[in-house]
N, C-alpha and C. Protein backbone atom coordinates (compact mmCIF):
# COMPACT_ATOMS: atom_id res chain seq x y z
N UNK A 1 139.47 78.30 113.78
CA UNK A 1 139.36 79.38 112.59
C UNK A 1 139.62 78.68 111.21
N UNK A 2 140.78 77.88 111.31
CA UNK A 2 140.95 77.21 109.71
C UNK A 2 140.08 76.38 109.51
N UNK A 3 139.00 75.66 110.22
CA UNK A 3 138.10 74.91 109.67
C UNK A 3 137.05 75.64 109.29
N UNK A 4 136.83 76.93 109.72
CA UNK A 4 135.98 77.54 109.33
C UNK A 4 136.18 77.97 107.64
N UNK A 5 137.44 78.50 107.56
CA UNK A 5 138.15 78.88 106.39
C UNK A 5 138.08 77.73 105.21
N UNK A 6 138.19 76.45 105.71
CA UNK A 6 138.21 75.24 104.76
C UNK A 6 136.85 75.00 104.32
N UNK A 7 135.81 75.35 105.24
CA UNK A 7 134.53 75.03 104.95
C UNK A 7 134.09 76.12 103.84
N UNK A 8 134.46 77.20 104.30
CA UNK A 8 134.00 78.44 103.30
C UNK A 8 134.69 78.21 101.99
N UNK A 9 135.82 77.65 101.83
CA UNK A 9 136.43 77.21 100.51
C UNK A 9 135.77 76.22 99.88
N UNK A 10 135.23 75.22 100.45
CA UNK A 10 134.64 74.13 99.87
C UNK A 10 133.22 74.67 99.28
N UNK A 11 132.53 75.34 99.99
CA UNK A 11 131.34 76.16 99.48
C UNK A 11 131.59 77.20 98.22
N UNK A 12 132.59 77.80 98.59
CA UNK A 12 132.97 78.98 97.40
C UNK A 12 133.26 78.10 95.96
N UNK A 13 133.81 76.98 96.49
CA UNK A 13 134.46 76.15 95.02
C UNK A 13 133.19 75.54 94.45
N UNK A 14 132.08 75.15 95.09
CA UNK A 14 131.11 74.66 94.69
C UNK A 14 130.07 75.50 94.03
N UNK A 15 130.16 76.82 94.37
CA UNK A 15 129.25 77.77 93.89
C UNK A 15 130.03 78.26 92.80
N UNK A 16 131.29 78.23 92.43
CA UNK A 16 131.94 78.69 91.14
C UNK A 16 131.77 77.64 90.25
N UNK A 17 131.78 76.27 90.59
CA UNK A 17 131.61 75.48 89.52
C UNK A 17 130.14 75.49 89.01
N UNK A 18 129.04 75.95 89.80
CA UNK A 18 127.79 76.09 89.36
C UNK A 18 127.88 77.17 88.48
N UNK A 19 128.32 78.37 89.14
CA UNK A 19 128.19 79.57 88.14
C UNK A 19 128.71 79.28 86.80
N UNK A 20 129.82 78.42 86.60
CA UNK A 20 130.79 78.11 85.65
C UNK A 20 129.90 77.51 84.54
N UNK A 21 128.95 76.14 85.05
CA UNK A 21 127.93 75.63 84.43
C UNK A 21 126.83 76.51 84.01
N UNK A 22 126.22 77.64 84.82
CA UNK A 22 125.24 78.21 84.19
C UNK A 22 125.90 79.01 83.20
N UNK A 23 127.20 79.61 83.24
CA UNK A 23 127.57 80.58 82.25
C UNK A 23 127.61 79.77 80.87
N UNK A 24 128.23 78.44 80.95
CA UNK A 24 128.28 77.84 79.73
C UNK A 24 127.08 77.39 78.97
N UNK A 25 126.06 77.08 79.92
CA UNK A 25 124.75 77.03 79.37
C UNK A 25 123.97 78.30 78.60
N UNK A 26 124.49 79.37 79.23
CA UNK A 26 123.84 80.53 78.60
C UNK A 26 124.80 80.74 77.27
N UNK A 27 125.86 80.55 77.19
CA UNK A 27 126.71 80.73 76.21
C UNK A 27 126.12 79.83 74.97
N UNK A 28 125.89 78.57 75.39
CA UNK A 28 125.46 77.60 74.33
C UNK A 28 124.16 78.14 73.64
N UNK A 29 123.38 78.63 74.71
CA UNK A 29 121.92 79.10 74.13
C UNK A 29 122.15 80.33 73.22
N UNK A 30 123.03 81.20 73.61
CA UNK A 30 123.29 82.43 72.66
C UNK A 30 124.04 81.85 71.49
N UNK A 31 124.82 80.89 71.36
CA UNK A 31 125.34 80.45 70.36
C UNK A 31 124.38 80.11 69.32
N UNK A 32 123.22 79.18 70.05
CA UNK A 32 122.28 78.54 69.05
C UNK A 32 121.38 79.59 68.78
N UNK A 33 121.06 80.54 69.47
CA UNK A 33 120.11 81.62 68.79
C UNK A 33 120.70 82.52 67.72
N UNK A 34 122.06 82.62 68.02
CA UNK A 34 122.75 83.19 66.70
C UNK A 34 122.65 82.36 65.46
N UNK A 35 122.73 81.37 65.60
CA UNK A 35 122.75 80.27 64.68
C UNK A 35 121.51 80.25 63.72
N UNK A 36 120.53 80.25 64.63
CA UNK A 36 119.04 80.14 64.08
C UNK A 36 118.85 81.49 63.24
N UNK A 37 119.35 82.68 63.55
CA UNK A 37 119.02 84.01 63.11
C UNK A 37 119.28 84.12 61.51
């Protein structure tokens, strides 16, 4: 049971970092779009 939980945490952490990167990219695009207006 513990191994399953550890595996889940690893995957969850990877997904969170990917989501964070996506959010940062989106924020940069929005900032660039605002700057061009």
